[in-house]
Amino acid sequence: MLHHLLDPAQRRLLCQAAQLLTGADGVLDLREEELLRRLRAACGAPELPAPPADLDALLARLEPAFPEVPARRALLFELMRFVVADGTIDDDELDVIAAICRRLDLSRDVYRRCRDLARRLAALEQDALDLVADDEPPPA
């Protein structure tokens, strides 16, 4: 949704961060997998770049690649979409998000706003999918 605000190198790092985040809890939910597919397509990456070796490797690359606050917030929002995608917020995923917020100097308020917006967006997307899948004929 906000990935278009990022430059190509930042989008690549977003994809890598999303991969690391979705693997943090040891389970790749179908909704997370679909989000990864859509993110890859939206970022113009036919294949996902290799994920970073670990969280420290990712963090070391994020800070210099995201010098501006708007790009940092866009990254956090996009990642929060993965955290809320399966309907539960896992502690392992939160550890990754917390580390990113600390490294990029993003406040708890920004975290909460991104989380709440990601939840609302997920609910709206589900409502839209429900609407399209509805078997009820439209009114005459």
Protein backbone atom coordinates (compact mmCIF):
# COMPACT_ATOMS: atom_id res chain seq x y z
CA MET A 1 0.00 0.00 0.00
CA LEU A 2 2.78 2.46 0.90
CA HIS A 3 5.64 0.62 -0.80
CA HIS A 4 5.39 3.03 -3.73
CA LEU A 5 6.83 5.71 -1.42
CA LEU A 6 10.06 3.73 -1.14
CA ASP A 7 12.94 3.69 -3.58
CA PRO A 8 13.94 0.36 -5.22
CA ALA A 9 16.63 -0.44 -2.64
CA GLN A 10 14.19 0.26 0.19
CA ARG A 11 11.54 -1.94 -1.45
CA ARG A 12 14.05 -4.76 -1.68
CA LEU A 13 14.84 -4.40 2.02
CA LEU A 14 11.11 -4.30 2.77
CA CYS A 15 10.73 -7.65 1.00
CA GLN A 16 13.62 -9.09 2.95
CA ALA A 17 12.28 -7.75 6.26
CA ALA A 18 8.84 -9.18 5.46
CA GLN A 19 10.39 -12.60 4.80
CA LEU A 20 12.28 -12.53 8.08
CA LEU A 21 9.19 -11.34 9.92
CA THR A 22 6.87 -13.98 8.49
CA GLY A 23 9.34 -16.68 9.44
CA ALA A 24 9.82 -15.36 12.97
CA ASP A 25 7.04 -17.50 14.47
CA GLY A 26 8.03 -20.58 12.49
CA VAL A 27 4.71 -20.67 10.61
CA LEU A 28 4.01 -19.19 7.18
CA ASP A 29 0.28 -18.60 7.17
CA LEU A 30 -1.50 -18.61 3.79
CA ARG A 31 -2.50 -14.97 4.31
CA GLU A 32 1.11 -14.02 4.96
CA GLU A 33 2.17 -15.99 1.90
CA GLU A 34 -0.39 -14.12 -0.20
CA LEU A 35 0.82 -10.77 1.17
CA LEU A 36 4.39 -11.72 0.26
CA ARG A 37 3.28 -12.62 -3.26
CA ARG A 38 1.42 -9.32 -3.64
CA LEU A 39 4.29 -7.34 -2.19
CA ARG A 40 6.75 -9.01 -4.55
CA ALA A 41 4.50 -8.20 -7.53
CA ALA A 42 3.92 -4.62 -6.39
CA CYS A 43 7.64 -4.05 -5.88
CA GLY A 44 8.44 -5.43 -9.32
CA ALA A 45 10.44 -8.33 -7.93
CA PRO A 46 9.65 -11.51 -9.86
CA GLU A 47 11.39 -13.44 -7.08
CA LEU A 48 11.89 -12.53 -3.47
CA PRO A 49 15.44 -11.53 -2.64
CA ALA A 50 17.23 -13.86 -0.26
CA PRO A 51 16.24 -13.13 3.32
CA PRO A 52 18.88 -11.66 5.62
CA ALA A 53 20.94 -14.12 7.66
CA ASP A 54 19.38 -12.89 10.88
CA LEU A 55 17.74 -9.91 12.53
CA ASP A 56 21.05 -8.19 13.30
CA ALA A 57 22.05 -8.36 9.63
CA LEU A 58 18.71 -6.83 8.64
CA LEU A 59 18.91 -4.07 11.24
CA ALA A 60 22.41 -3.11 10.14
CA ARG A 61 21.12 -2.55 6.60
CA LEU A 62 17.83 -0.83 7.49
CA GLU A 63 19.15 2.20 9.34
CA PRO A 64 21.32 3.65 6.55
CA ALA A 65 18.80 2.70 3.85
CA PHE A 66 15.91 4.49 5.60
CA PRO A 67 17.31 7.88 6.64
CA GLU A 68 13.99 9.75 6.36
CA VAL A 69 11.15 9.40 8.88
CA PRO A 70 8.36 9.00 6.27
CA ALA A 71 10.15 6.03 4.67
CA ARG A 72 10.73 4.49 8.11
CA ARG A 73 7.05 4.82 8.93
CA ALA A 74 6.05 3.36 5.55
CA LEU A 75 8.32 0.38 6.24
CA LEU A 76 6.79 -0.16 9.67
CA PHE A 77 3.24 0.09 8.33
CA GLU A 78 3.95 -2.43 5.56
CA LEU A 79 5.52 -4.83 8.05
CA MET A 80 2.61 -4.46 10.45
CA ARG A 81 0.35 -5.71 7.67
CA PHE A 82 2.22 -9.03 7.91
CA VAL A 83 2.00 -9.09 11.70
CA VAL A 84 -1.80 -8.76 11.69
CA ALA A 85 -2.42 -10.83 8.53
CA ASP A 86 -3.17 -14.08 10.34
CA GLY A 87 -5.39 -12.48 12.97
CA THR A 88 -2.95 -12.97 15.84
CA ILE A 89 0.07 -10.99 16.90
CA ASP A 90 2.83 -13.43 17.77
CA ASP A 91 5.48 -12.56 20.37
CA ASP A 92 8.30 -13.58 18.01
CA GLU A 93 6.95 -11.22 15.35
CA LEU A 94 6.64 -8.46 17.95
CA ASP A 95 10.28 -8.96 18.92
CA VAL A 96 11.30 -8.31 15.31
CA ILE A 97 9.05 -5.24 15.07
CA ALA A 98 10.31 -3.90 18.42
CA ALA A 99 13.93 -4.25 17.29
CA ILE A 100 13.15 -2.44 14.02
CA CYS A 101 11.35 0.35 15.90
CA ARG A 102 14.29 0.78 18.28
CA ARG A 103 16.86 0.81 15.46
CA LEU A 104 14.85 3.27 13.35
CA ASP A 105 13.84 5.41 16.34
CA LEU A 106 10.10 4.89 15.81
CA SER A 107 7.97 5.66 18.86
CA ARG A 108 5.38 3.46 20.56
CA ASP A 109 2.73 5.87 19.32
CA VAL A 110 3.83 5.37 15.70
CA TYR A 111 3.90 1.61 16.32
CA ARG A 112 0.33 1.67 17.72
CA ARG A 113 -0.93 3.81 14.85
CA CYS A 114 0.63 1.49 12.26
CA ARG A 115 -0.75 -1.59 14.05
CA ASP A 116 -4.25 -0.11 14.27
CA LEU A 117 -4.24 1.01 10.64
CA ALA A 118 -2.95 -2.39 9.51
CA ARG A 119 -5.77 -4.09 11.44
CA ARG A 120 -8.37 -1.77 9.91
CA LEU A 121 -6.98 -2.32 6.43
CA ALA A 122 -7.01 -6.11 6.90
CA ALA A 123 -10.66 -5.94 8.01
CA LEU A 124 -11.59 -3.78 5.02
CA GLU A 125 -9.81 -6.13 2.62
CA GLN A 126 -11.69 -9.07 4.14
CA ASP A 127 -14.99 -7.18 3.81
CA ALA A 128 -14.21 -6.55 0.14
CA LEU A 129 -13.37 -10.23 -0.44
CA ASP A 130 -16.59 -11.24 1.31
CA LEU A 131 -18.54 -8.86 -0.91
CA VAL A 132 -17.07 -10.26 -4.10
CA ALA A 133 -17.62 -13.84 -3.00
CA ASP A 134 -21.24 -13.19 -1.95
CA ASP A 135 -23.64 -15.46 -3.84
CA GLU A 136 -26.57 -13.14 -3.32
CA PRO A 137 -27.72 -11.56 -6.59
CA PRO A 138 -27.64 -7.76 -6.67
CA PRO A 139 -30.97 -5.96 -6.20
CA ALA A 140 -32.97 -5.41 -9.37
